[in-house]
């Protein structure tokens, strides 16, 4: 039996767009839900989804003085379960 090598090359753009985003979306949806639930304790905390890039992010922001006084964002980050 002749041995031959097979090389598989994935187009990064297509692979990323089709496979990775579909695999990551449910995880990011869950993270966003968790962060929004935690952010509901104070209107100073804003949560949004950044999907304008090739990566998706869940972003939580708060005024610096609020974060220094309460450490809310640091606590939220430590409480997210993936």
PDB file of N, CA and C in Angstrom:
ATOM      1  N   UNK A   1       0.847  -1.165   0.000  1.00  0.00           N
ATOM      2  CA  UNK A   1       0.000   0.000   0.000  1.00  0.00           C
ATOM      3  C   UNK A   1       0.899   1.238   0.000  1.00  0.00           C
ATOM      4  N   UNK A   2       0.647   2.117  -0.917  1.00  0.00           N
ATOM      5  CA  UNK A   2       1.431   3.350  -1.020  1.00  0.00           C
ATOM      6  C   UNK A   2       0.995   4.340   0.059  1.00  0.00           C
ATOM      7  N   UNK A   3       1.995   4.940   0.649  1.00  0.00           N
ATOM      8  CA  UNK A   3       1.700   5.948   1.662  1.00  0.00           C
ATOM      9  C   UNK A   3       1.735   7.322   0.996  1.00  0.00           C
ATOM     10  N   UNK A   4       0.772   8.089   1.289  1.00  0.00           N
ATOM     11  CA  UNK A   4       0.776   9.449   0.763  1.00  0.00           C
ATOM     12  C   UNK A   4       0.398  10.410   1.888  1.00  0.00           C
ATOM     13  N   UNK A   5       0.859  11.610   1.740  1.00  0.00           N
ATOM     14  CA  UNK A   5       0.563  12.630   2.732  1.00  0.00           C
ATOM     15  C   UNK A   5      -0.621  13.467   2.260  1.00  0.00           C
ATOM     16  N   UNK A   6      -1.444  13.796   3.192  1.00  0.00           N
ATOM     17  CA  UNK A   6      -2.580  14.661   2.902  1.00  0.00           C
ATOM     18  C   UNK A   6      -2.409  15.926   3.722  1.00  0.00           C
ATOM     19  N   UNK A   7      -2.520  17.049   3.069  1.00  0.00           N
ATOM     20  CA  UNK A   7      -2.399  18.324   3.755  1.00  0.00           C
ATOM     21  C   UNK A   7      -3.747  19.032   3.678  1.00  0.00           C
ATOM     22  N   UNK A   8      -4.241  19.430   4.833  1.00  0.00           N
ATOM     23  CA  UNK A   8      -5.507  20.146   4.890  1.00  0.00           C
ATOM     24  C   UNK A   8      -5.206  21.585   5.281  1.00  0.00           C
ATOM     25  N   UNK A   9      -5.691  22.505   4.488  1.00  0.00           N
ATOM     26  CA  UNK A   9      -5.483  23.920   4.756  1.00  0.00           C
ATOM     27  C   UNK A   9      -6.851  24.568   4.920  1.00  0.00           C
ATOM     28  N   UNK A  10      -7.041  25.199   6.063  1.00  0.00           N
ATOM     29  CA  UNK A  10      -8.303  25.886   6.322  1.00  0.00           C
ATOM     30  C   UNK A  10      -8.133  27.374   6.048  1.00  0.00           C
ATOM     31  N   UNK A  11      -9.064  27.920   5.338  1.00  0.00           N
ATOM     32  CA  UNK A  11      -9.073  29.366   5.123  1.00  0.00           C
ATOM     33  C   UNK A  11      -9.486  30.001   6.443  1.00  0.00           C
ATOM     34  N   UNK A  12      -8.553  30.703   7.083  1.00  0.00           N
ATOM     35  CA  UNK A  12      -8.777  31.250   8.425  1.00  0.00           C
ATOM     36  C   UNK A  12     -10.041  32.106   8.496  1.00  0.00           C
ATOM     37  N   UNK A  13     -10.246  32.944   7.512  1.00  0.00           N
ATOM     38  CA  UNK A  13     -11.403  33.835   7.537  1.00  0.00           C
ATOM     39  C   UNK A  13     -12.703  33.039   7.537  1.00  0.00           C
ATOM     40  N   UNK A  14     -12.806  32.097   6.623  1.00  0.00           N
ATOM     41  CA  UNK A  14     -14.030  31.296   6.552  1.00  0.00           C
ATOM     42  C   UNK A  14     -14.185  30.407   7.775  1.00  0.00           C
ATOM     43  N   UNK A  15     -13.108  29.791   8.204  1.00  0.00           N
ATOM     44  CA  UNK A  15     -13.161  28.920   9.375  1.00  0.00           C
ATOM     45  C   UNK A  15     -13.609  29.713  10.597  1.00  0.00           C
ATOM     46  N   UNK A  16     -12.997  30.864  10.788  1.00  0.00           N
ATOM     47  CA  UNK A  16     -13.337  31.708  11.934  1.00  0.00           C
ATOM     48  C   UNK A  16     -14.789  32.144  11.872  1.00  0.00           C
ATOM     49  N   UNK A  17     -15.197  32.589  10.705  1.00  0.00           N
ATOM     50  CA  UNK A  17     -16.561  33.096  10.554  1.00  0.00           C
ATOM     51  C   UNK A  17     -17.627  32.050  10.740  1.00  0.00           C
ATOM     52  N   UNK A  18     -17.385  30.868  10.256  1.00  0.00           N
ATOM     53  CA  UNK A  18     -18.414  29.835  10.292  1.00  0.00           C
ATOM     54  C   UNK A  18     -18.360  28.957  11.530  1.00  0.00           C
ATOM     55  N   UNK A  19     -17.219  28.431  11.836  1.00  0.00           N
ATOM     56  CA  UNK A  19     -17.122  27.440  12.914  1.00  0.00           C
ATOM     57  C   UNK A  19     -16.933  28.081  14.274  1.00  0.00           C
ATOM     58  N   UNK A  20     -15.918  28.931  14.397  1.00  0.00           N
ATOM     59  CA  UNK A  20     -15.605  29.489  15.712  1.00  0.00           C
ATOM     60  C   UNK A  20     -16.721  30.366  16.253  1.00  0.00           C
ATOM     61  N   UNK A  21     -17.281  31.231  15.427  1.00  0.00           N
ATOM     62  CA  UNK A  21     -18.339  32.111  15.918  1.00  0.00           C
ATOM     63  C   UNK A  21     -19.571  31.317  16.329  1.00  0.00           C
ATOM     64  N   UNK A  22     -19.882  30.270  15.601  1.00  0.00           N
ATOM     65  CA  UNK A  22     -21.036  29.440  15.979  1.00  0.00           C
ATOM     66  C   UNK A  22     -20.782  28.702  17.278  1.00  0.00           C
ATOM     67  N   UNK A  23     -19.543  28.293  17.505  1.00  0.00           N
ATOM     68  CA  UNK A  23     -19.206  27.579  18.733  1.00  0.00           C
ATOM     69  C   UNK A  23     -19.148  28.531  19.923  1.00  0.00           C
ATOM     70  N   UNK A  24     -18.694  29.744  19.692  1.00  0.00           N
ATOM     71  CA  UNK A  24     -18.498  30.705  20.768  1.00  0.00           C
ATOM     72  C   UNK A  24     -19.792  31.436  21.132  1.00  0.00           C
ATOM     73  N   UNK A  25     -20.690  31.620  20.188  1.00  0.00           N
ATOM     74  CA  UNK A  25     -21.904  32.409  20.424  1.00  0.00           C
ATOM     75  C   UNK A  25     -22.695  31.950  21.641  1.00  0.00           C
ATOM     76  N   UNK A  26     -22.997  30.665  21.813  1.00  0.00           N
ATOM     77  CA  UNK A  26     -23.759  30.259  23.003  1.00  0.00           C
ATOM     78  C   UNK A  26     -23.026  30.560  24.307  1.00  0.00           C
ATOM     79  N   UNK A  27     -21.712  30.442  24.292  1.00  0.00           N
ATOM     80  CA  UNK A  27     -20.929  30.745  25.496  1.00  0.00           C
ATOM     81  C   UNK A  27     -21.010  32.238  25.806  1.00  0.00           C
ATOM     82  N   UNK A  28     -20.834  33.071  24.783  1.00  0.00           N
ATOM     83  CA  UNK A  28     -20.883  34.513  24.997  1.00  0.00           C
ATOM     84  C   UNK A  28     -22.291  34.971  25.375  1.00  0.00           C
ATOM     85  N   UNK A  29     -23.315  34.325  24.825  1.00  0.00           N
ATOM     86  CA  UNK A  29     -24.688  34.641  25.230  1.00  0.00           C
ATOM     87  C   UNK A  29     -24.870  34.384  26.718  1.00  0.00           C
ATOM     88  N   UNK A  30     -24.333  33.270  27.193  1.00  0.00           N
ATOM     89  CA  UNK A  30     -24.429  32.924  28.615  1.00  0.00           C
ATOM     90  C   UNK A  30     -23.654  33.918  29.474  1.00  0.00           C
ATOM     91  N   UNK A  31     -22.452  34.275  29.043  1.00  0.00           N
ATOM     92  CA  UNK A  31     -21.645  35.249  29.792  1.00  0.00           C
ATOM     93  C   UNK A  31     -22.378  36.590  29.854  1.00  0.00           C
ATOM     94  N   UNK A  32     -22.943  37.018  28.732  1.00  0.00           N
ATOM     95  CA  UNK A  32     -23.664  38.290  28.708  1.00  0.00           C
ATOM     96  C   UNK A  32     -24.850  38.246  29.669  1.00  0.00           C
ATOM     97  N   UNK A  33     -25.577  37.164  29.684  1.00  0.00           N
ATOM     98  CA  UNK A  33     -26.717  37.029  30.592  1.00  0.00           C
ATOM     99  C   UNK A  33     -26.275  37.110  32.055  1.00  0.00           C
ATOM    100  N   UNK A  34     -25.178  36.449  32.378  1.00  0.00           N
ATOM    101  CA  UNK A  34     -24.656  36.495  33.745  1.00  0.00           C
ATOM    102  C   UNK A  34     -24.242  37.914  34.141  1.00  0.00           C
ATOM    103  N   UNK A  35     -23.511  38.582  33.256  1.00  0.00           N
ATOM    104  CA  UNK A  35     -23.007  39.921  33.555  1.00  0.00           C
ATOM    105  C   UNK A  35     -24.165  40.918  33.669  1.00  0.00           C
ATOM    106  N   UNK A  36     -25.145  40.808  32.781  1.00  0.00           N
ATOM    107  CA  UNK A  36     -26.299  41.704  32.852  1.00  0.00           C
ATOM    108  C   UNK A  36     -27.074  41.494  34.152  1.00  0.00           C
ATOM    109  N   UNK A  37     -27.184  40.255  34.587  1.00  0.00           N
ATOM    110  CA  UNK A  37     -27.861  39.977  35.854  1.00  0.00           C
ATOM    111  C   UNK A  37     -27.141  40.608  37.027  1.00  0.00           C
ATOM    112  N   UNK A  38     -25.819  40.514  37.033  1.00  0.00           N
ATOM    113  CA  UNK A  38     -25.036  41.115  38.115  1.00  0.00           C
ATOM    114  C   UNK A  38     -25.060  42.635  38.030  1.00  0.00           C
ATOM    115  N   UNK A  39     -25.083  43.179  36.814  1.00  0.00           N
ATOM    116  CA  UNK A  39     -25.063  44.633  36.635  1.00  0.00           C
ATOM    117  C   UNK A  39     -26.385  45.272  37.025  1.00  0.00           C
ATOM    118  N   UNK A  40     -27.429  44.502  37.143  1.00  0.00           N
ATOM    119  CA  UNK A  40     -28.744  45.040  37.468  1.00  0.00           C
ATOM    120  C   UNK A  40     -28.799  45.664  38.867  1.00  0.00           C
ATOM    121  N   UNK A  41     -27.802  45.385  39.698  1.00  0.00           N
ATOM    122  CA  UNK A  41     -27.808  45.926  41.064  1.00  0.00           C
ATOM    123  C   UNK A  41     -27.560  47.426  41.096  1.00  0.00           C
ATOM    124  N   UNK A  42     -26.964  47.989  40.040  1.00  0.00           N
ATOM    125  CA  UNK A  42     -26.686  49.426  40.037  1.00  0.00           C
ATOM    126  C   UNK A  42     -26.716  49.970  38.608  1.00  0.00           C
ATOM    127  N   UNK A  43     -27.462  51.059  38.398  1.00  0.00           N
ATOM    128  CA  UNK A  43     -27.544  51.620  37.042  1.00  0.00           C
ATOM    129  C   UNK A  43     -26.237  52.239  36.548  1.00  0.00           C
ATOM    130  N   UNK A  44     -25.256  52.405  37.432  1.00  0.00           N
ATOM    131  CA  UNK A  44     -23.958  52.946  37.003  1.00  0.00           C
ATOM    132  C   UNK A  44     -23.190  51.948  36.150  1.00  0.00           C
ATOM    133  N   UNK A  45     -23.520  50.667  36.261  1.00  0.00           N
ATOM    134  CA  UNK A  45     -22.832  49.624  35.491  1.00  0.00           C
ATOM    135  C   UNK A  45     -23.568  49.434  34.169  1.00  0.00           C
ATOM    136  N   UNK A  46     -22.846  49.576  33.094  1.00  0.00           N
ATOM    137  CA  UNK A  46     -23.407  49.399  31.744  1.00  0.00           C
ATOM    138  C   UNK A  46     -22.800  48.159  31.119  1.00  0.00           C
ATOM    139  N   UNK A  47     -23.622  47.381  30.422  1.00  0.00           N
ATOM    140  CA  UNK A  47     -23.166  46.157  29.764  1.00  0.00           C
ATOM    141  C   UNK A  47     -23.584  46.223  28.303  1.00  0.00           C
ATOM    142  N   UNK A  48     -22.662  45.891  27.425  1.00  0.00           N
ATOM    143  CA  UNK A  48     -23.009  45.792  26.010  1.00  0.00           C
ATOM    144  C   UNK A  48     -22.179  44.710  25.347  1.00  0.00           C
ATOM    145  N   UNK A  49     -22.613  44.317  24.172  1.00  0.00           N
ATOM    146  CA  UNK A  49     -21.955  43.267  23.391  1.00  0.00           C
ATOM    147  C   UNK A  49     -21.232  43.920  22.234  1.00  0.00           C
ATOM    148  N   UNK A  50     -19.960  43.641  22.090  1.00  0.00           N
ATOM    149  CA  UNK A  50     -19.152  44.191  21.008  1.00  0.00           C
ATOM    150  C   UNK A  50     -18.910  43.087  19.990  1.00  0.00           C
ATOM    151  N   UNK A  51     -19.647  43.140  18.886  1.00  0.00           N
ATOM    152  CA  UNK A  51     -19.495  42.127  17.840  1.00  0.00           C
ATOM    153  C   UNK A  51     -19.017  42.741  16.535  1.00  0.00           C
ATOM    154  N   UNK A  52     -18.429  43.937  16.618  1.00  0.00           N
ATOM    155  CA  UNK A  52     -17.990  44.642  15.417  1.00  0.00           C
ATOM    156  C   UNK A  52     -16.653  44.151  14.886  1.00  0.00           C
ATOM    157  N   UNK A  53     -15.986  43.300  15.624  1.00  0.00           N
ATOM    158  CA  UNK A  53     -14.662  42.835  15.217  1.00  0.00           C
ATOM    159  C   UNK A  53     -14.734  41.351  14.878  1.00  0.00           C
ATOM    160  N   UNK A  54     -13.579  40.756  14.606  1.00  0.00           N
ATOM    161  CA  UNK A  54     -13.559  39.328  14.305  1.00  0.00           C
ATOM    162  C   UNK A  54     -13.703  38.498  15.584  1.00  0.00           C
ATOM    163  N   UNK A  55     -13.730  39.166  16.718  1.00  0.00           N
ATOM    164  CA  UNK A  55     -13.964  38.503  17.996  1.00  0.00           C
ATOM    165  C   UNK A  55     -15.182  39.139  18.643  1.00  0.00           C
ATOM    166  N   UNK A  56     -15.874  38.389  19.442  1.00  0.00           N
ATOM    167  CA  UNK A  56     -17.026  38.947  20.144  1.00  0.00           C
ATOM    168  C   UNK A  56     -16.666  39.139  21.609  1.00  0.00           C
ATOM    169  N   UNK A  57     -17.130  40.214  22.185  1.00  0.00           N
ATOM    170  CA  UNK A  57     -16.813  40.547  23.567  1.00  0.00           C
ATOM    171  C   UNK A  57     -18.071  40.957  24.309  1.00  0.00           C
ATOM    172  N   UNK A  58     -18.097  40.678  25.589  1.00  0.00           N
ATOM    173  CA  UNK A  58     -19.091  41.251  26.481  1.00  0.00           C
ATOM    174  C   UNK A  58     -18.347  42.290  27.304  1.00  0.00           C
ATOM    175  N   UNK A  59     -18.843  43.510  27.283  1.00  0.00           N
ATOM    176  CA  UNK A  59     -18.150  44.613  27.934  1.00  0.00           C
ATOM    177  C   UNK A  59     -19.008  45.157  29.059  1.00  0.00           C
ATOM    178  N   UNK A  60     -18.421  45.313  30.229  1.00  0.00           N
ATOM    179  CA  UNK A  60     -19.084  45.955  31.363  1.00  0.00           C
ATOM    180  C   UNK A  60     -18.257  47.167  31.742  1.00  0.00           C
ATOM    181  N   UNK A  61     -18.921  48.309  31.884  1.00  0.00           N
ATOM    182  CA  UNK A  61     -18.225  49.535  32.257  1.00  0.00           C
ATOM    183  C   UNK A  61     -18.898  50.158  33.472  1.00  0.00           C
ATOM    184  N   UNK A  62     -18.123  50.907  34.212  1.00  0.00           N
ATOM    185  CA  UNK A  62     -18.623  51.665  35.354  1.00  0.00           C
ATOM    186  C   UNK A  62     -17.688  52.853  35.550  1.00  0.00           C
ATOM    187  N   UNK A  63     -18.191  53.943  36.118  1.00  0.00           N
ATOM    188  CA  UNK A  63     -17.307  55.073  36.404  1.00  0.00           C
ATOM    189  C   UNK A  63     -16.163  54.640  37.326  1.00  0.00           C
ATOM    190  N   UNK A  64     -15.001  55.229  37.128  1.00  0.00           N
ATOM    191  CA  UNK A  64     -13.818  54.847  37.906  1.00  0.00           C
ATOM    192  C   UNK A  64     -14.045  55.001  39.403  1.00  0.00           C
ATOM    193  N   UNK A  65     -14.699  56.090  39.811  1.00  0.00           N
ATOM    194  CA  UNK A  65     -14.947  56.311  41.243  1.00  0.00           C
ATOM    195  C   UNK A  65     -15.840  55.210  41.819  1.00  0.00           C
ATOM    196  N   UNK A  66     -16.815  54.786  41.040  1.00  0.00           N
ATOM    197  CA  UNK A  66     -17.711  53.708  41.475  1.00  0.00           C
ATOM    198  C   UNK A  66     -16.931  52.401  41.633  1.00  0.00           C
ATOM    199  N   UNK A  67     -16.075  52.105  40.661  1.00  0.00           N
ATOM    200  CA  UNK A  67     -15.277  50.876  40.719  1.00  0.00           C
ATOM    201  C   UNK A  67     -14.299  50.916  41.889  1.00  0.00           C
ATOM    202  N   UNK A  68     -13.680  52.054  42.119  1.00  0.00           N
ATOM    203  CA  UNK A  68     -12.746  52.171  43.243  1.00  0.00           C
ATOM    204  C   UNK A  68     -13.463  51.979  44.574  1.00  0.00           C
ATOM    205  N   UNK A  69     -14.650  52.525  44.692  1.00  0.00           N
ATOM    206  CA  UNK A  69     -15.392  52.441  45.954  1.00  0.00           C
ATOM    207  C   UNK A  69     -15.939  51.046  46.211  1.00  0.00           C
ATOM    208  N   UNK A  70     -16.376  50.365  45.156  1.00  0.00           N
ATOM    209  CA  UNK A  70     -17.092  49.100  45.342  1.00  0.00           C
ATOM    210  C   UNK A  70     -16.376  47.870  44.781  1.00  0.00           C
ATOM    211  N   UNK A  71     -15.524  48.057  43.798  1.00  0.00           N
ATOM    212  CA  UNK A  71     -14.865  46.915  43.165  1.00  0.00           C
ATOM    213  C   UNK A  71     -15.833  45.996  42.450  1.00  0.00           C
ATOM    214  N   UNK A  72     -16.936  46.567  41.976  1.00  0.00           N
ATOM    215  CA  UNK A  72     -18.011  45.765  41.392  1.00  0.00           C
ATOM    216  C   UNK A  72     -17.578  44.998  40.141  1.00  0.00           C
ATOM    217  N   UNK A  73     -16.843  45.657  39.240  1.00  0.00           N
ATOM    218  CA  UNK A  73     -16.439  44.989  38.006  1.00  0.00           C
ATOM    219  C   UNK A  73     -15.479  43.831  38.289  1.00  0.00           C
ATOM    220  N   UNK A  74     -14.572  44.036  39.215  1.00  0.00           N
ATOM    221  CA  UNK A  74     -13.638  42.974  39.587  1.00  0.00           C
ATOM    222  C   UNK A  74     -14.392  41.788  40.185  1.00  0.00           C
ATOM    223  N   UNK A  75     -15.369  42.072  41.019  1.00  0.00           N
ATOM    224  CA  UNK A  75     -16.172  41.008  41.614  1.00  0.00           C
ATOM    225  C   UNK A  75     -16.985  40.277  40.551  1.00  0.00           C
ATOM    226  N   UNK A  76     -17.571  41.045  39.632  1.00  0.00           N
ATOM    227  CA  UNK A  76     -18.384  40.433  38.561  1.00  0.00           C
ATOM    228  C   UNK A  76     -17.525  39.499  37.725  1.00  0.00           C
ATOM    229  N   UNK A  77     -16.335  39.945  37.373  1.00  0.00           N
ATOM    230  CA  UNK A  77     -15.439  39.128  36.554  1.00  0.00           C
ATOM    231  C   UNK A  77     -15.120  37.809  37.263  1.00  0.00           C
ATOM    232  N   UNK A  78     -14.889  37.888  38.565  1.00  0.00           N
ATOM    233  CA  UNK A  78     -14.577  36.680  39.336  1.00  0.00           C
ATOM    234  C   UNK A  78     -15.748  35.735  39.496  1.00  0.00           C
ATOM    235  N   UNK A  79     -16.962  36.226  39.295  1.00  0.00           N
ATOM    236  CA  UNK A  79     -18.159  35.410  39.490  1.00  0.00           C
ATOM    237  C   UNK A  79     -18.688  34.769  38.211  1.00  0.00           C
ATOM    238  N   UNK A  80     -18.201  35.193  37.050  1.00  0.00           N
ATOM    239  CA  UNK A  80     -18.678  34.633  35.785  1.00  0.00           C
ATOM    240  C   UNK A  80     -18.226  33.176  35.680  1.00  0.00           C
ATOM    241  N   UNK A  81     -19.171  32.320  35.344  1.00  0.00           N
ATOM    242  CA  UNK A  81     -18.902  30.892  35.188  1.00  0.00           C
ATOM    243  C   UNK A  81     -19.028  30.532  33.717  1.00  0.00           C
ATOM    244  N   UNK A  82     -17.993  29.932  33.169  1.00  0.00           N
ATOM    245  CA  UNK A  82     -18.021  29.540  31.751  1.00  0.00           C
ATOM    246  C   UNK A  82     -18.076  28.035  31.669  1.00  0.00           C
TER     247      UNK A  82
END
